[in-house]
């Protein structure tokens, strides 16, 4: 599972960054993978309201959202933005990322597509403010509510702190580590305790992608479905997105990736294709599903339906 942190502070070694790094360290103790998007270091341009996302489901702006961030938002099981309060809301850098999530909102509400992890993804934010007003976090909370909805994450809570102005203030806070530990145990532990299944292919471009998507979509609350290949392709098969959309499942922004041989898993499903791929430690099972040999959508549909049936059968064996 992936816990994605989003650092919205423009300041180095900020109090927000301290909150986020402490949160991610606690998540790693539970076995989660973590990754940080530092928005101040990213090339994320503001939304230009080109309306392409509303009609076609993608943003034409060529920046780090397109090449990196959308894919990370899709891969994440837990999304954790952290930001100081600027004029009763998130920083401009973080707000640009949030505004650009309109692309994911459009895929969900305009194109009526469901991300495979939409039923299990969690959202939790962290924030600090220099003053102590009662309404300091109301604007941010509303923004986060709709951001989490757009990226198919629950709005599962927050940790907010007033009167935090100087560098190092949060490190001196008497209860912050306990607060974060409790939040991580509540939010991350149930997901970390799911059965871990890896779908291993050769290029991670078709069969493993479909299998992991079906598993997460159908039973993401019970299992943590990963996938990968020994020689990942540059992108997934061009017809996978189209045939999975026929099932209402959105494969946009999914990217092939390498297997981690050190990954500890409960079960490995190895698709047979060419030389045996190195796989993590665990109980291995082989699925004989022929890879697509042409660009015929009907071929992909047969593979898709075969994999869907196999995944459903697999899920009946998960305890």
C-alpha atoms as a PDB file:
ATOM      1  CA  UNK A   1       0.000   0.000   0.000  1.00  0.00           C
ATOM      2  CA  UNK A   2       1.084   3.544  -0.686  1.00  0.00           C
ATOM      3  CA  UNK A   3       0.664   6.501   1.666  1.00  0.00           C
ATOM      4  CA  UNK A   4       1.109   9.643  -0.422  1.00  0.00           C
ATOM      5  CA  UNK A   5       2.154  12.790   1.395  1.00  0.00           C
ATOM      6  CA  UNK A   6       1.668  16.183  -0.246  1.00  0.00           C
ATOM      7  CA  UNK A   7       3.800  18.922   1.290  1.00  0.00           C
ATOM      8  CA  UNK A   8       2.154  22.273   0.617  1.00  0.00           C
ATOM      9  CA  UNK A   9       4.583  24.474   2.528  1.00  0.00           C
ATOM     10  CA  UNK A  10       7.008  26.724   0.601  1.00  0.00           C
ATOM     11  CA  UNK A  11       9.311  26.933   3.624  1.00  0.00           C
ATOM     12  CA  UNK A  12      12.229  24.532   4.184  1.00  0.00           C
ATOM     13  CA  UNK A  13      12.004  22.469   7.383  1.00  0.00           C
ATOM     14  CA  UNK A  14       8.586  23.908   8.082  1.00  0.00           C
ATOM     15  CA  UNK A  15       6.179  22.865  10.802  1.00  0.00           C
ATOM     16  CA  UNK A  16       3.868  21.390   8.160  1.00  0.00           C
ATOM     17  CA  UNK A  17       6.738  19.337   6.761  1.00  0.00           C
ATOM     18  CA  UNK A  18       7.533  18.099  10.264  1.00  0.00           C
ATOM     19  CA  UNK A  19       3.942  16.950  10.732  1.00  0.00           C
ATOM     20  CA  UNK A  20       3.969  15.173   7.389  1.00  0.00           C
ATOM     21  CA  UNK A  21       7.333  13.459   7.834  1.00  0.00           C
ATOM     22  CA  UNK A  22       6.332  12.249  11.300  1.00  0.00           C
ATOM     23  CA  UNK A  23       3.050  10.900   9.910  1.00  0.00           C
ATOM     24  CA  UNK A  24       4.847   9.038   7.120  1.00  0.00           C
ATOM     25  CA  UNK A  25       7.450   7.608   9.492  1.00  0.00           C
ATOM     26  CA  UNK A  26       4.659   6.128  11.616  1.00  0.00           C
ATOM     27  CA  UNK A  27       2.998   4.723   8.493  1.00  0.00           C
ATOM     28  CA  UNK A  28       6.263   3.067   7.440  1.00  0.00           C
ATOM     29  CA  UNK A  29       6.431   1.334  10.832  1.00  0.00           C
ATOM     30  CA  UNK A  30       3.191  -0.402   9.856  1.00  0.00           C
ATOM     31  CA  UNK A  31       4.689  -1.591   6.579  1.00  0.00           C
ATOM     32  CA  UNK A  32       3.349   1.103   4.242  1.00  0.00           C
ATOM     33  CA  UNK A  33       5.317   2.490   1.306  1.00  0.00           C
ATOM     34  CA  UNK A  34       5.466   6.275   1.373  1.00  0.00           C
ATOM     35  CA  UNK A  35       6.142   8.997  -1.156  1.00  0.00           C
ATOM     36  CA  UNK A  36       6.139  12.798  -0.875  1.00  0.00           C
ATOM     37  CA  UNK A  37       5.062  15.302  -3.498  1.00  0.00           C
ATOM     38  CA  UNK A  38       6.703  18.595  -2.525  1.00  0.00           C
ATOM     39  CA  UNK A  39       4.543  21.041  -4.447  1.00  0.00           C
ATOM     40  CA  UNK A  40       6.971  23.927  -4.058  1.00  0.00           C
ATOM     41  CA  UNK A  41       9.542  21.935  -6.042  1.00  0.00           C
ATOM     42  CA  UNK A  42       7.128  20.650  -8.684  1.00  0.00           C
ATOM     43  CA  UNK A  43       6.203  22.252 -11.972  1.00  0.00           C
ATOM     44  CA  UNK A  44       2.437  22.459 -11.397  1.00  0.00           C
ATOM     45  CA  UNK A  45       0.725  25.161 -13.428  1.00  0.00           C
ATOM     46  CA  UNK A  46      -2.616  26.706 -12.424  1.00  0.00           C
ATOM     47  CA  UNK A  47      -5.836  25.460 -13.974  1.00  0.00           C
ATOM     48  CA  UNK A  48      -6.643  27.429 -17.150  1.00  0.00           C
ATOM     49  CA  UNK A  49     -10.231  26.185 -17.412  1.00  0.00           C
ATOM     50  CA  UNK A  50      -9.703  24.796 -20.904  1.00  0.00           C
ATOM     51  CA  UNK A  51     -12.708  22.442 -20.372  1.00  0.00           C
ATOM     52  CA  UNK A  52     -10.884  19.586 -22.121  1.00  0.00           C
ATOM     53  CA  UNK A  53     -11.070  17.543 -18.901  1.00  0.00           C
ATOM     54  CA  UNK A  54     -14.843  17.995 -18.812  1.00  0.00           C
ATOM     55  CA  UNK A  55     -15.224  16.619 -22.335  1.00  0.00           C
ATOM     56  CA  UNK A  56     -12.371  14.144 -22.760  1.00  0.00           C
ATOM     57  CA  UNK A  57     -11.234  13.353 -19.229  1.00  0.00           C
ATOM     58  CA  UNK A  58      -7.661  14.596 -19.466  1.00  0.00           C
ATOM     59  CA  UNK A  59      -5.806  17.877 -18.948  1.00  0.00           C
ATOM     60  CA  UNK A  60      -3.793  19.198 -21.934  1.00  0.00           C
ATOM     61  CA  UNK A  61      -1.386  21.184 -19.739  1.00  0.00           C
ATOM     62  CA  UNK A  62       2.049  19.571 -19.999  1.00  0.00           C
ATOM     63  CA  UNK A  63       3.648  19.662 -16.555  1.00  0.00           C
ATOM     64  CA  UNK A  64       4.335  17.461 -13.516  1.00  0.00           C
ATOM     65  CA  UNK A  65       0.638  16.814 -12.927  1.00  0.00           C
ATOM     66  CA  UNK A  66       0.504  15.054 -16.282  1.00  0.00           C
ATOM     67  CA  UNK A  67       3.777  13.174 -16.005  1.00  0.00           C
ATOM     68  CA  UNK A  68       3.746  12.237 -12.328  1.00  0.00           C
ATOM     69  CA  UNK A  69       1.131  13.510  -9.888  1.00  0.00           C
ATOM     70  CA  UNK A  70      -2.060  12.110 -11.439  1.00  0.00           C
ATOM     71  CA  UNK A  71      -0.502   8.637 -11.442  1.00  0.00           C
ATOM     72  CA  UNK A  72       0.535   8.958  -7.782  1.00  0.00           C
ATOM     73  CA  UNK A  73      -2.948  10.091  -6.756  1.00  0.00           C
ATOM     74  CA  UNK A  74      -4.341   6.988  -8.490  1.00  0.00           C
ATOM     75  CA  UNK A  75      -1.822   4.627  -6.918  1.00  0.00           C
ATOM     76  CA  UNK A  76      -2.235   5.937  -3.372  1.00  0.00           C
ATOM     77  CA  UNK A  77      -4.268   4.142  -0.725  1.00  0.00           C
ATOM     78  CA  UNK A  78      -4.005   7.103   1.659  1.00  0.00           C
ATOM     79  CA  UNK A  79      -3.507  10.751   0.636  1.00  0.00           C
ATOM     80  CA  UNK A  80      -2.165  13.169   3.269  1.00  0.00           C
ATOM     81  CA  UNK A  81      -1.819  16.862   2.331  1.00  0.00           C
ATOM     82  CA  UNK A  82      -0.015  19.125   4.804  1.00  0.00           C
ATOM     83  CA  UNK A  83      -0.145  22.913   4.649  1.00  0.00           C
ATOM     84  CA  UNK A  84       0.151  26.079   6.708  1.00  0.00           C
ATOM     85  CA  UNK A  85      -2.841  28.393   6.606  1.00  0.00           C
ATOM     86  CA  UNK A  86      -2.515  31.246   4.122  1.00  0.00           C
ATOM     87  CA  UNK A  87      -5.540  33.546   4.211  1.00  0.00           C
ATOM     88  CA  UNK A  88      -7.750  30.869   5.776  1.00  0.00           C
ATOM     89  CA  UNK A  89      -6.886  28.189   3.221  1.00  0.00           C
ATOM     90  CA  UNK A  90      -4.096  26.125   1.671  1.00  0.00           C
ATOM     91  CA  UNK A  91      -0.989  27.666   0.128  1.00  0.00           C
ATOM     92  CA  UNK A  92      -1.197  28.731  -3.509  1.00  0.00           C
ATOM     93  CA  UNK A  93       1.226  25.945  -4.472  1.00  0.00           C
ATOM     94  CA  UNK A  94      -1.019  23.259  -2.974  1.00  0.00           C
ATOM     95  CA  UNK A  95      -4.160  24.942  -4.253  1.00  0.00           C
ATOM     96  CA  UNK A  96      -2.829  24.666  -7.817  1.00  0.00           C
ATOM     97  CA  UNK A  97      -2.564  20.887  -7.402  1.00  0.00           C
ATOM     98  CA  UNK A  98      -6.051  20.763  -5.912  1.00  0.00           C
ATOM     99  CA  UNK A  99      -7.539  22.830  -8.741  1.00  0.00           C
ATOM    100  CA  UNK A 100      -5.932  20.551 -11.321  1.00  0.00           C
ATOM    101  CA  UNK A 101      -7.649  17.551  -9.712  1.00  0.00           C
ATOM    102  CA  UNK A 102     -10.683  18.740 -11.681  1.00  0.00           C
ATOM    103  CA  UNK A 103      -9.491  16.226 -14.288  1.00  0.00           C
ATOM    104  CA  UNK A 104     -10.146  13.372 -11.864  1.00  0.00           C
ATOM    105  CA  UNK A 105     -13.463  14.952 -10.835  1.00  0.00           C
ATOM    106  CA  UNK A 106     -14.505  15.026 -14.491  1.00  0.00           C
ATOM    107  CA  UNK A 107     -13.628  11.364 -15.025  1.00  0.00           C
ATOM    108  CA  UNK A 108     -15.710  10.481 -11.991  1.00  0.00           C
ATOM    109  CA  UNK A 109     -18.761  12.690 -12.504  1.00  0.00           C
ATOM    110  CA  UNK A 110     -18.798  13.499 -16.220  1.00  0.00           C
ATOM    111  CA  UNK A 111     -17.543  10.203 -17.650  1.00  0.00           C
ATOM    112  CA  UNK A 112     -19.073   8.098 -14.828  1.00  0.00           C
ATOM    113  CA  UNK A 113     -15.915   6.036 -14.299  1.00  0.00           C
ATOM    114  CA  UNK A 114     -14.743   4.462 -11.045  1.00  0.00           C
ATOM    115  CA  UNK A 115     -11.124   4.292 -10.020  1.00  0.00           C
ATOM    116  CA  UNK A 116     -10.272   0.763  -8.777  1.00  0.00           C
ATOM    117  CA  UNK A 117      -9.364   2.092  -5.314  1.00  0.00           C
ATOM    118  CA  UNK A 118     -12.323   4.445  -4.993  1.00  0.00           C
ATOM    119  CA  UNK A 119     -13.978   2.282  -2.312  1.00  0.00           C
ATOM    120  CA  UNK A 120     -10.989   2.155   0.001  1.00  0.00           C
ATOM    121  CA  UNK A 121      -8.828   5.242  -0.533  1.00  0.00           C
ATOM    122  CA  UNK A 122      -8.550   7.474   2.541  1.00  0.00           C
ATOM    123  CA  UNK A 123      -7.872  11.194   2.898  1.00  0.00           C
ATOM    124  CA  UNK A 124      -6.445  12.941   5.969  1.00  0.00           C
ATOM    125  CA  UNK A 125      -4.919  16.416   6.196  1.00  0.00           C
ATOM    126  CA  UNK A 126      -2.465  18.182   8.485  1.00  0.00           C
ATOM    127  CA  UNK A 127      -2.309  21.920   9.051  1.00  0.00           C
ATOM    128  CA  UNK A 128      -0.833  24.649  11.233  1.00  0.00           C
ATOM    129  CA  UNK A 129      -1.756  28.307  11.680  1.00  0.00           C
ATOM    130  CA  UNK A 130       0.063  31.190  13.333  1.00  0.00           C
ATOM    131  CA  UNK A 131      -2.986  32.748  14.989  1.00  0.00           C
ATOM    132  CA  UNK A 132      -5.711  31.244  17.199  1.00  0.00           C
ATOM    133  CA  UNK A 133      -9.017  32.219  15.613  1.00  0.00           C
ATOM    134  CA  UNK A 134     -11.927  29.792  15.925  1.00  0.00           C
ATOM    135  CA  UNK A 135     -12.597  29.722  12.185  1.00  0.00           C
ATOM    136  CA  UNK A 136      -8.983  29.347  11.064  1.00  0.00           C
ATOM    137  CA  UNK A 137      -9.446  25.934   9.452  1.00  0.00           C
ATOM    138  CA  UNK A 138     -13.016  26.159   8.141  1.00  0.00           C
ATOM    139  CA  UNK A 139     -12.028  27.262   4.636  1.00  0.00           C
ATOM    140  CA  UNK A 140      -9.337  24.589   4.401  1.00  0.00           C
ATOM    141  CA  UNK A 141     -11.690  21.886   5.646  1.00  0.00           C
ATOM    142  CA  UNK A 142     -14.214  22.677   2.923  1.00  0.00           C
ATOM    143  CA  UNK A 143     -11.484  22.709   0.279  1.00  0.00           C
ATOM    144  CA  UNK A 144     -10.159  19.348   1.489  1.00  0.00           C
ATOM    145  CA  UNK A 145     -13.639  17.851   1.556  1.00  0.00           C
ATOM    146  CA  UNK A 146     -14.087  18.474  -2.157  1.00  0.00           C
ATOM    147  CA  UNK A 147     -10.475  17.675  -3.044  1.00  0.00           C
ATOM    148  CA  UNK A 148     -10.777  14.262  -1.427  1.00  0.00           C
ATOM    149  CA  UNK A 149     -14.063  13.690  -3.206  1.00  0.00           C
ATOM    150  CA  UNK A 150     -12.489  14.550  -6.564  1.00  0.00           C
ATOM    151  CA  UNK A 151      -9.598  12.113  -6.071  1.00  0.00           C
ATOM    152  CA  UNK A 152     -11.913   9.350  -4.795  1.00  0.00           C
ATOM    153  CA  UNK A 153     -10.747   9.461  -1.180  1.00  0.00           C
ATOM    154  CA  UNK A 154     -12.747   9.575   2.012  1.00  0.00           C
ATOM    155  CA  UNK A 155     -12.587  12.664   4.205  1.00  0.00           C
ATOM    156  CA  UNK A 156     -11.264  10.774   7.214  1.00  0.00           C
ATOM    157  CA  UNK A 157     -10.152  13.527   9.529  1.00  0.00           C
ATOM    158  CA  UNK A 158      -7.336  15.945  10.244  1.00  0.00           C
ATOM    159  CA  UNK A 159      -4.862  17.230  12.769  1.00  0.00           C
ATOM    160  CA  UNK A 160      -4.755  21.027  13.070  1.00  0.00           C
ATOM    161  CA  UNK A 161      -2.719  23.222  15.403  1.00  0.00           C
ATOM    162  CA  UNK A 162      -3.109  26.913  16.269  1.00  0.00           C
ATOM    163  CA  UNK A 163      -0.469  29.381  17.469  1.00  0.00           C
ATOM    164  CA  UNK A 164       2.309  27.755  15.429  1.00  0.00           C
ATOM    165  CA  UNK A 165       4.421  30.541  13.970  1.00  0.00           C
ATOM    166  CA  UNK A 166       8.116  29.888  14.470  1.00  0.00           C
ATOM    167  CA  UNK A 167      10.359  27.220  12.995  1.00  0.00           C
ATOM    168  CA  UNK A 168      10.536  24.201  15.271  1.00  0.00           C
ATOM    169  CA  UNK A 169       7.318  24.966  17.159  1.00  0.00           C
ATOM    170  CA  UNK A 170       5.692  21.630  16.283  1.00  0.00           C
ATOM    171  CA  UNK A 171       8.721  19.629  17.425  1.00  0.00           C
ATOM    172  CA  UNK A 172       8.235  21.162  20.879  1.00  0.00           C
ATOM    173  CA  UNK A 173       4.506  20.409  21.005  1.00  0.00           C
ATOM    174  CA  UNK A 174       3.865  18.107  23.986  1.00  0.00           C
ATOM    175  CA  UNK A 175       1.283  15.828  22.339  1.00  0.00           C
ATOM    176  CA  UNK A 176       1.954  15.949  18.598  1.00  0.00           C
ATOM    177  CA  UNK A 177       3.701  12.583  18.301  1.00  0.00           C
ATOM    178  CA  UNK A 178       0.935  10.862  20.238  1.00  0.00           C
ATOM    179  CA  UNK A 179      -1.670  12.629  18.094  1.00  0.00           C
ATOM    180  CA  UNK A 180      -0.016  11.428  14.905  1.00  0.00           C
ATOM    181  CA  UNK A 181       0.560   7.892  16.182  1.00  0.00           C
ATOM    182  CA  UNK A 182      -3.112   7.586  17.118  1.00  0.00           C
ATOM    183  CA  UNK A 183      -4.217   8.955  13.739  1.00  0.00           C
ATOM    184  CA  UNK A 184      -1.958   6.570  11.809  1.00  0.00           C
ATOM    185  CA  UNK A 185      -3.091   3.573  13.846  1.00  0.00           C
ATOM    186  CA  UNK A 186      -6.717   4.467  13.190  1.00  0.00           C
ATOM    187  CA  UNK A 187      -6.345   5.302   9.509  1.00  0.00           C
ATOM    188  CA  UNK A 188      -3.480   3.218   8.155  1.00  0.00           C
ATOM    189  CA  UNK A 189      -3.389   0.096  10.322  1.00  0.00           C
ATOM    190  CA  UNK A 190      -6.632  -1.438   8.955  1.00  0.00           C
ATOM    191  CA  UNK A 191      -5.331  -1.059   5.391  1.00  0.00           C
ATOM    192  CA  UNK A 192      -1.861  -2.323   6.294  1.00  0.00           C
ATOM    193  CA  UNK A 193      -3.378  -5.479   7.781  1.00  0.00           C
ATOM    194  CA  UNK A 194      -5.084  -6.551   4.544  1.00  0.00           C
ATOM    195  CA  UNK A 195      -3.917  -9.665   2.715  1.00  0.00           C
ATOM    196  CA  UNK A 196      -1.234  -8.709   0.183  1.00  0.00           C
ATOM    197  CA  UNK A 197      -1.477 -10.183  -3.315  1.00  0.00           C
ATOM    198  CA  UNK A 198       0.904  -9.475  -6.179  1.00  0.00           C
ATOM    199  CA  UNK A 199      -0.083  -9.982  -9.813  1.00  0.00           C
ATOM    200  CA  UNK A 200       3.203 -10.505 -11.645  1.00  0.00           C
ATOM    201  CA  UNK A 201       3.504 -10.161 -15.387  1.00  0.00           C
ATOM    202  CA  UNK A 202       6.375  -9.604 -17.758  1.00  0.00           C
ATOM    203  CA  UNK A 203       5.722  -6.011 -18.863  1.00  0.00           C
ATOM    204  CA  UNK A 204       2.920  -5.104 -16.421  1.00  0.00           C
ATOM    205  CA  UNK A 205       1.073  -3.642 -19.383  1.00  0.00           C
ATOM    206  CA  UNK A 206      -2.109  -5.692 -19.654  1.00  0.00           C
ATOM    207  CA  UNK A 207      -2.991  -8.826 -17.668  1.00  0.00           C
ATOM    208  CA  UNK A 208      -1.465  -7.825 -14.329  1.00  0.00           C
ATOM    209  CA  UNK A 209      -2.975  -4.349 -14.691  1.00  0.00           C
ATOM    210  CA  UNK A 210      -6.465  -5.768 -15.240  1.00  0.00           C
ATOM    211  CA  UNK A 211      -6.145  -8.305 -12.437  1.00  0.00           C
ATOM    212  CA  UNK A 212      -4.997  -5.775  -9.838  1.00  0.00           C
ATOM    213  CA  UNK A 213      -7.710  -3.345 -10.917  1.00  0.00           C
ATOM    214  CA  UNK A 214     -10.450  -5.961 -10.560  1.00  0.00           C
ATOM    215  CA  UNK A 215      -9.096  -7.119  -7.189  1.00  0.00           C
ATOM    216  CA  UNK A 216      -8.920  -3.599  -5.767  1.00  0.00           C
ATOM    217  CA  UNK A 217     -12.295  -2.666  -7.222  1.00  0.00           C
ATOM    218  CA  UNK A 218     -14.090  -5.768  -5.942  1.00  0.00           C
ATOM    219  CA  UNK A 219     -12.382  -6.314  -2.596  1.00  0.00           C
ATOM    220  CA  UNK A 220      -9.994  -3.491  -1.765  1.00  0.00           C
ATOM    221  CA  UNK A 221     -11.210  -3.551   1.836  1.00  0.00           C
ATOM    222  CA  UNK A 222      -9.944  -7.125   2.206  1.00  0.00           C
ATOM    223  CA  UNK A 223      -6.815  -7.240   0.065  1.00  0.00           C
ATOM    224  CA  UNK A 224      -3.970  -5.001  -0.994  1.00  0.00           C
ATOM    225  CA  UNK A 225      -3.476  -5.864  -4.664  1.00  0.00           C
ATOM    226  CA  UNK A 226      -0.118  -4.908  -6.161  1.00  0.00           C
ATOM    227  CA  UNK A 227       1.249  -5.649  -9.619  1.00  0.00           C
ATOM    228  CA  UNK A 228       4.450  -5.310 -11.565  1.00  0.00           C
ATOM    229  CA  UNK A 229       6.754  -6.783 -14.179  1.00  0.00           C
ATOM    230  CA  UNK A 230      10.380  -7.813 -14.579  1.00  0.00           C
ATOM    231  CA  UNK A 231      10.682  -5.647 -17.701  1.00  0.00           C
ATOM    232  CA  UNK A 232       7.988  -2.964 -17.411  1.00  0.00           C
ATOM    233  CA  UNK A 233       6.699  -1.407 -20.604  1.00  0.00           C
ATOM    234  CA  UNK A 234       6.667   2.347 -21.126  1.00  0.00           C
ATOM    235  CA  UNK A 235       2.862   2.417 -20.867  1.00  0.00           C
ATOM    236  CA  UNK A 236      -0.055   0.047 -20.534  1.00  0.00           C
ATOM    237  CA  UNK A 237      -1.561  -1.625 -23.599  1.00  0.00           C
ATOM    238  CA  UNK A 238      -3.496   1.029 -25.554  1.00  0.00           C
ATOM    239  CA  UNK A 239      -6.749  -0.957 -25.473  1.00  0.00           C
ATOM    240  CA  UNK A 240      -6.749  -1.853 -21.764  1.00  0.00           C
ATOM    241  CA  UNK A 241      -8.313   1.456 -20.774  1.00  0.00           C
ATOM    242  CA  UNK A 242     -11.039   1.121 -23.386  1.00  0.00           C
ATOM    243  CA  UNK A 243     -12.122  -2.424 -22.509  1.00  0.00           C
ATOM    244  CA  UNK A 244     -11.981  -1.764 -18.760  1.00  0.00           C
ATOM    245  CA  UNK A 245     -14.158   1.321 -19.210  1.00  0.00           C
ATOM    246  CA  UNK A 246     -16.821  -1.052 -20.510  1.00  0.00           C
ATOM    247  CA  UNK A 247     -16.837  -2.472 -16.973  1.00  0.00           C
ATOM    248  CA  UNK A 248     -17.011   1.031 -15.487  1.00  0.00           C
ATOM    249  CA  UNK A 249     -13.429   0.820 -14.233  1.00  0.00           C
ATOM    250  CA  UNK A 250     -11.078   3.721 -14.927  1.00  0.00           C
ATOM    251  CA  UNK A 251      -7.485   2.827 -15.810  1.00  0.00           C
ATOM    252  CA  UNK A 252      -6.365   6.358 -16.638  1.00  0.00           C
ATOM    253  CA  UNK A 253      -2.921   7.348 -15.318  1.00  0.00           C
ATOM    254  CA  UNK A 254      -1.996   3.756 -14.423  1.00  0.00           C
ATOM    255  CA  UNK A 255       1.630   3.039 -15.287  1.00  0.00           C
ATOM    256  CA  UNK A 256       3.655  -0.176 -15.544  1.00  0.00           C
ATOM    257  CA  UNK A 257       6.174  -0.623 -12.757  1.00  0.00           C
ATOM    258  CA  UNK A 258       8.849  -3.037 -11.615  1.00  0.00           C
ATOM    259  CA  UNK A 259       8.311  -5.782  -9.105  1.00  0.00           C
ATOM    260  CA  UNK A 260      10.018  -5.437  -5.757  1.00  0.00           C
ATOM    261  CA  UNK A 261      11.634  -8.860  -5.092  1.00  0.00           C
ATOM    262  CA  UNK A 262      11.923  -8.044  -1.382  1.00  0.00           C
ATOM    263  CA  UNK A 263       8.208  -7.381  -0.995  1.00  0.00           C
ATOM    264  CA  UNK A 264       6.569  -9.592   1.620  1.00  0.00           C
ATOM    265  CA  UNK A 265       3.246 -10.853   0.331  1.00  0.00           C
ATOM    266  CA  UNK A 266       0.650 -13.482   1.134  1.00  0.00           C
ATOM    267  CA  UNK A 267       0.162 -14.704  -2.410  1.00  0.00           C
ATOM    268  CA  UNK A 268       1.701 -14.225  -5.836  1.00  0.00           C
ATOM    269  CA  UNK A 269      -0.188 -14.707  -9.081  1.00  0.00           C
ATOM    270  CA  UNK A 270       2.311 -15.231 -11.888  1.00  0.00           C
ATOM    271  CA  UNK A 271       1.040 -14.790 -15.443  1.00  0.00           C
ATOM    272  CA  UNK A 272       2.905 -17.157 -17.743  1.00  0.00           C
ATOM    273  CA  UNK A 273       4.700 -15.423 -20.581  1.00  0.00           C
ATOM    274  CA  UNK A 274       8.246 -16.033 -21.726  1.00  0.00           C
ATOM    275  CA  UNK A 275      11.036 -16.445 -19.162  1.00  0.00           C
ATOM    276  CA  UNK A 276      10.049 -16.724 -15.537  1.00  0.00           C
ATOM    277  CA  UNK A 277       9.942 -13.349 -13.840  1.00  0.00           C
ATOM    278  CA  UNK A 278      11.618 -12.835 -10.452  1.00  0.00           C
ATOM    279  CA  UNK A 279       8.931 -12.535  -7.799  1.00  0.00           C
ATOM    280  CA  UNK A 280       8.756 -11.623  -4.114  1.00  0.00           C
ATOM    281  CA  UNK A 281       8.725 -14.172  -1.334  1.00  0.00           C
ATOM    282  CA  UNK A 282       5.349 -15.862  -0.848  1.00  0.00           C
ATOM    283  CA  UNK A 283       3.048 -18.587  -2.108  1.00  0.00           C
ATOM    284  CA  UNK A 284       3.085 -18.513  -5.897  1.00  0.00           C
ATOM    285  CA  UNK A 285       0.260 -19.525  -8.219  1.00  0.00           C
ATOM    286  CA  UNK A 286       0.383 -19.562 -12.016  1.00  0.00           C
ATOM    287  CA  UNK A 287      -2.402 -18.274 -14.249  1.00  0.00           C
ATOM    288  CA  UNK A 288      -2.209 -19.372 -17.862  1.00  0.00           C
ATOM    289  CA  UNK A 289      -3.716 -16.401 -19.665  1.00  0.00           C
ATOM    290  CA  UNK A 290      -2.318 -15.737 -23.117  1.00  0.00           C
ATOM    291  CA  UNK A 291      -1.057 -12.179 -23.674  1.00  0.00           C
ATOM    292  CA  UNK A 292      -2.663 -10.095 -26.424  1.00  0.00           C
ATOM    293  CA  UNK A 293      -1.025 -10.747 -29.760  1.00  0.00           C
ATOM    294  CA  UNK A 294      -2.822  -8.069 -31.761  1.00  0.00           C
ATOM    295  CA  UNK A 295      -4.745  -4.804 -31.462  1.00  0.00           C
ATOM    296  CA  UNK A 296      -8.149  -6.468 -31.670  1.00  0.00           C
ATOM    297  CA  UNK A 297     -10.515  -5.206 -28.917  1.00  0.00           C
ATOM    298  CA  UNK A 298     -12.323  -8.564 -28.875  1.00  0.00           C
ATOM    299  CA  UNK A 299      -9.064 -10.281 -27.926  1.00  0.00           C
ATOM    300  CA  UNK A 300      -8.658  -7.883 -25.001  1.00  0.00           C
ATOM    301  CA  UNK A 301     -12.277  -8.423 -23.972  1.00  0.00           C
ATOM    302  CA  UNK A 302     -11.747 -12.189 -23.800  1.00  0.00           C
ATOM    303  CA  UNK A 303      -8.623 -11.703 -21.686  1.00  0.00           C
ATOM    304  CA  UNK A 304     -10.461  -9.192 -19.478  1.00  0.00           C
ATOM    305  CA  UNK A 305     -13.424 -11.500 -18.880  1.00  0.00           C
ATOM    306  CA  UNK A 306     -11.167 -14.486 -18.179  1.00  0.00           C
ATOM    307  CA  UNK A 307      -9.184 -12.473 -15.630  1.00  0.00           C
ATOM    308  CA  UNK A 308     -12.336 -11.092 -14.002  1.00  0.00           C
ATOM    309  CA  UNK A 309     -13.657 -14.618 -13.425  1.00  0.00           C
ATOM    310  CA  UNK A 310     -10.311 -15.755 -12.056  1.00  0.00           C
ATOM    311  CA  UNK A 311     -10.122 -12.799  -9.679  1.00  0.00           C
ATOM    312  CA  UNK A 312     -13.649 -13.415  -8.409  1.00  0.00           C
ATOM    313  CA  UNK A 313     -12.765 -17.049  -7.778  1.00  0.00           C
ATOM    314  CA  UNK A 314      -9.556 -16.020  -6.023  1.00  0.00           C
ATOM    315  CA  UNK A 315     -11.437 -13.674  -3.727  1.00  0.00           C
ATOM    316  CA  UNK A 316     -13.575 -16.544  -2.425  1.00  0.00           C
ATOM    317  CA  UNK A 317     -10.406 -18.126  -1.042  1.00  0.00           C
ATOM    318  CA  UNK A 318      -9.236 -15.061   0.894  1.00  0.00           C
ATOM    319  CA  UNK A 319      -9.734 -15.379   4.632  1.00  0.00           C
END
